[in-house]
Amino acid sequence: MDRKMANRKLVRLSQVKNKLATENLEEIDWVTFGVIVKKVTPQSANNGRTFSIWRLNDLRDLNECVSLFLFGEVHKEHWKTDQGTV
């Protein structure tokens, strides 16, 4: 993990909204970690393609979640990932 995190900044998932407002994260190599706390049943977009929505949380502040939308190959590869996975 130390090698993977070298020269990267950890931004807690519960802090992403605040950090986006106060820092230019596009210029920083940053990472975050989250737990899938809720999965919505895969849905179809207007173009007929299927996508998934996951609600992620860092378990520090259960009121602060981030919705992650998975489309295309990412959806195909990961839609079966279990709730509770990090």
C-alpha atoms as a PDB file:
ATOM      1  CA  MET A   1       0.000   0.000   0.000  1.00  0.00           C
ATOM      2  CA  ASP A   2       2.890   2.364   0.762  1.00  0.00           C
ATOM      3  CA  ARG A   3       4.161   1.928  -2.802  1.00  0.00           C
ATOM      4  CA  LYS A   4       0.702   2.557  -4.309  1.00  0.00           C
ATOM      5  CA  MET A   5       0.197   5.680  -2.167  1.00  0.00           C
ATOM      6  CA  ALA A   6       3.637   7.195  -2.841  1.00  0.00           C
ATOM      7  CA  ASN A   7       3.255  10.824  -3.968  1.00  0.00           C
ATOM      8  CA  ARG A   8      -0.538  10.674  -3.662  1.00  0.00           C
ATOM      9  CA  LYS A   9      -2.833  12.503  -1.290  1.00  0.00           C
ATOM     10  CA  LEU A  10      -5.512  10.629   0.646  1.00  0.00           C
ATOM     11  CA  VAL A  11      -8.845  12.444   0.604  1.00  0.00           C
ATOM     12  CA  ARG A  12     -11.434  10.828   2.834  1.00  0.00           C
ATOM     13  CA  LEU A  13     -14.670  10.157   0.998  1.00  0.00           C
ATOM     14  CA  SER A  14     -16.601  12.207   3.566  1.00  0.00           C
ATOM     15  CA  GLN A  15     -14.298  15.161   2.740  1.00  0.00           C
ATOM     16  CA  VAL A  16     -14.520  15.061  -1.078  1.00  0.00           C
ATOM     17  CA  LYS A  17     -17.281  17.667  -1.321  1.00  0.00           C
ATOM     18  CA  ASN A  18     -15.394  20.101   0.925  1.00  0.00           C
ATOM     19  CA  LYS A  19     -12.068  19.458  -0.808  1.00  0.00           C
ATOM     20  CA  LEU A  20     -13.623  20.066  -4.246  1.00  0.00           C
ATOM     21  CA  ALA A  21     -14.796  23.462  -3.012  1.00  0.00           C
ATOM     22  CA  THR A  22     -11.492  24.486  -1.419  1.00  0.00           C
ATOM     23  CA  GLU A  23      -8.761  22.800  -3.475  1.00  0.00           C
ATOM     24  CA  ASN A  24      -8.073  22.152  -7.137  1.00  0.00           C
ATOM     25  CA  LEU A  25      -8.065  18.355  -7.010  1.00  0.00           C
ATOM     26  CA  GLU A  26      -7.550  18.163 -10.764  1.00  0.00           C
ATOM     27  CA  GLU A  27      -3.941  19.208 -10.184  1.00  0.00           C
ATOM     28  CA  ILE A  28      -3.323  16.707  -7.382  1.00  0.00           C
ATOM     29  CA  ASP A  29      -2.784  12.951  -7.636  1.00  0.00           C
ATOM     30  CA  TRP A  30      -5.300  11.890  -5.000  1.00  0.00           C
ATOM     31  CA  VAL A  31      -7.097   8.721  -3.963  1.00  0.00           C
ATOM     32  CA  THR A  32     -10.051   7.864  -1.805  1.00  0.00           C
ATOM     33  CA  PHE A  33     -11.495   4.697  -0.340  1.00  0.00           C
ATOM     34  CA  GLY A  34     -15.123   3.812   0.152  1.00  0.00           C
ATOM     35  CA  VAL A  35     -17.410   1.007   1.177  1.00  0.00           C
ATOM     36  CA  ILE A  36     -20.408   0.146  -0.986  1.00  0.00           C
ATOM     37  CA  VAL A  37     -23.221   0.831   1.479  1.00  0.00           C
ATOM     38  CA  LYS A  38     -26.066   0.590  -1.027  1.00  0.00           C
ATOM     39  CA  LYS A  39     -26.510  -0.707  -4.549  1.00  0.00           C
ATOM     40  CA  VAL A  40     -29.426   0.272  -6.758  1.00  0.00           C
ATOM     41  CA  THR A  41     -30.718  -2.449  -9.092  1.00  0.00           C
ATOM     42  CA  PRO A  42     -29.054  -1.937 -12.507  1.00  0.00           C
ATOM     43  CA  GLN A  43     -31.092   0.379 -14.697  1.00  0.00           C
ATOM     44  CA  SER A  44     -31.389   1.153 -18.404  1.00  0.00           C
ATOM     45  CA  ALA A  45     -30.493   4.568 -19.782  1.00  0.00           C
ATOM     46  CA  ASN A  46     -32.474   6.255 -22.567  1.00  0.00           C
ATOM     47  CA  ASN A  47     -30.000   4.812 -25.076  1.00  0.00           C
ATOM     48  CA  GLY A  48     -30.807   1.278 -23.864  1.00  0.00           C
ATOM     49  CA  ARG A  49     -27.481   0.697 -22.143  1.00  0.00           C
ATOM     50  CA  THR A  50     -27.450  -0.652 -18.609  1.00  0.00           C
ATOM     51  CA  PHE A  51     -25.728   1.122 -15.727  1.00  0.00           C
ATOM     52  CA  SER A  52     -25.359   0.756 -11.970  1.00  0.00           C
ATOM     53  CA  ILE A  53     -25.426   3.217  -9.089  1.00  0.00           C
ATOM     54  CA  TRP A  54     -23.495   2.593  -5.896  1.00  0.00           C
ATOM     55  CA  ARG A  55     -23.663   4.676  -2.723  1.00  0.00           C
ATOM     56  CA  LEU A  56     -20.217   4.837  -1.124  1.00  0.00           C
ATOM     57  CA  ASN A  57     -19.230   5.868   2.388  1.00  0.00           C
ATOM     58  CA  ASP A  58     -15.962   5.932   4.349  1.00  0.00           C
ATOM     59  CA  LEU A  59     -17.704   4.837   7.595  1.00  0.00           C
ATOM     60  CA  ARG A  60     -16.476   7.988   9.316  1.00  0.00           C
ATOM     61  CA  ASP A  61     -19.613  10.069   8.673  1.00  0.00           C
ATOM     62  CA  LEU A  62     -22.574   7.893   7.706  1.00  0.00           C
ATOM     63  CA  ASN A  63     -24.539  10.954   6.567  1.00  0.00           C
ATOM     64  CA  GLU A  64     -21.981  11.772   3.845  1.00  0.00           C
ATOM     65  CA  CYS A  65     -22.272   9.422   0.876  1.00  0.00           C
ATOM     66  CA  VAL A  66     -21.074   9.680  -2.689  1.00  0.00           C
ATOM     67  CA  SER A  67     -23.054   8.214  -5.570  1.00  0.00           C
ATOM     68  CA  LEU A  68     -20.919   6.408  -8.124  1.00  0.00           C
ATOM     69  CA  PHE A  69     -22.426   5.695 -11.541  1.00  0.00           C
ATOM     70  CA  LEU A  70     -20.939   2.753 -13.459  1.00  0.00           C
ATOM     71  CA  PHE A  71     -21.353   2.680 -17.245  1.00  0.00           C
ATOM     72  CA  GLY A  72     -20.049   0.603 -20.153  1.00  0.00           C
ATOM     73  CA  GLU A  73     -17.224  -1.832 -19.526  1.00  0.00           C
ATOM     74  CA  VAL A  74     -16.898  -0.747 -15.888  1.00  0.00           C
ATOM     75  CA  HIS A  75     -20.540  -1.651 -15.287  1.00  0.00           C
ATOM     76  CA  LYS A  76     -20.155  -4.995 -17.098  1.00  0.00           C
ATOM     77  CA  GLU A  77     -17.073  -5.889 -15.078  1.00  0.00           C
ATOM     78  CA  HIS A  78     -18.195  -4.746 -11.626  1.00  0.00           C
ATOM     79  CA  TRP A  79     -22.008  -4.735 -11.362  1.00  0.00           C
ATOM     80  CA  LYS A  80     -22.016  -7.978  -9.357  1.00  0.00           C
ATOM     81  CA  THR A  81     -19.666  -6.568  -6.688  1.00  0.00           C
ATOM     82  CA  ASP A  82     -21.202  -7.204  -3.266  1.00  0.00           C
ATOM     83  CA  GLN A  83     -22.528  -4.508  -0.990  1.00  0.00           C
ATOM     84  CA  GLY A  84     -20.020  -4.043   1.840  1.00  0.00           C
ATOM     85  CA  THR A  85     -17.022  -4.314  -0.461  1.00  0.00           C
ATOM     86  CA  VAL A  86     -14.254  -1.723  -0.074  1.00  0.00           C
END
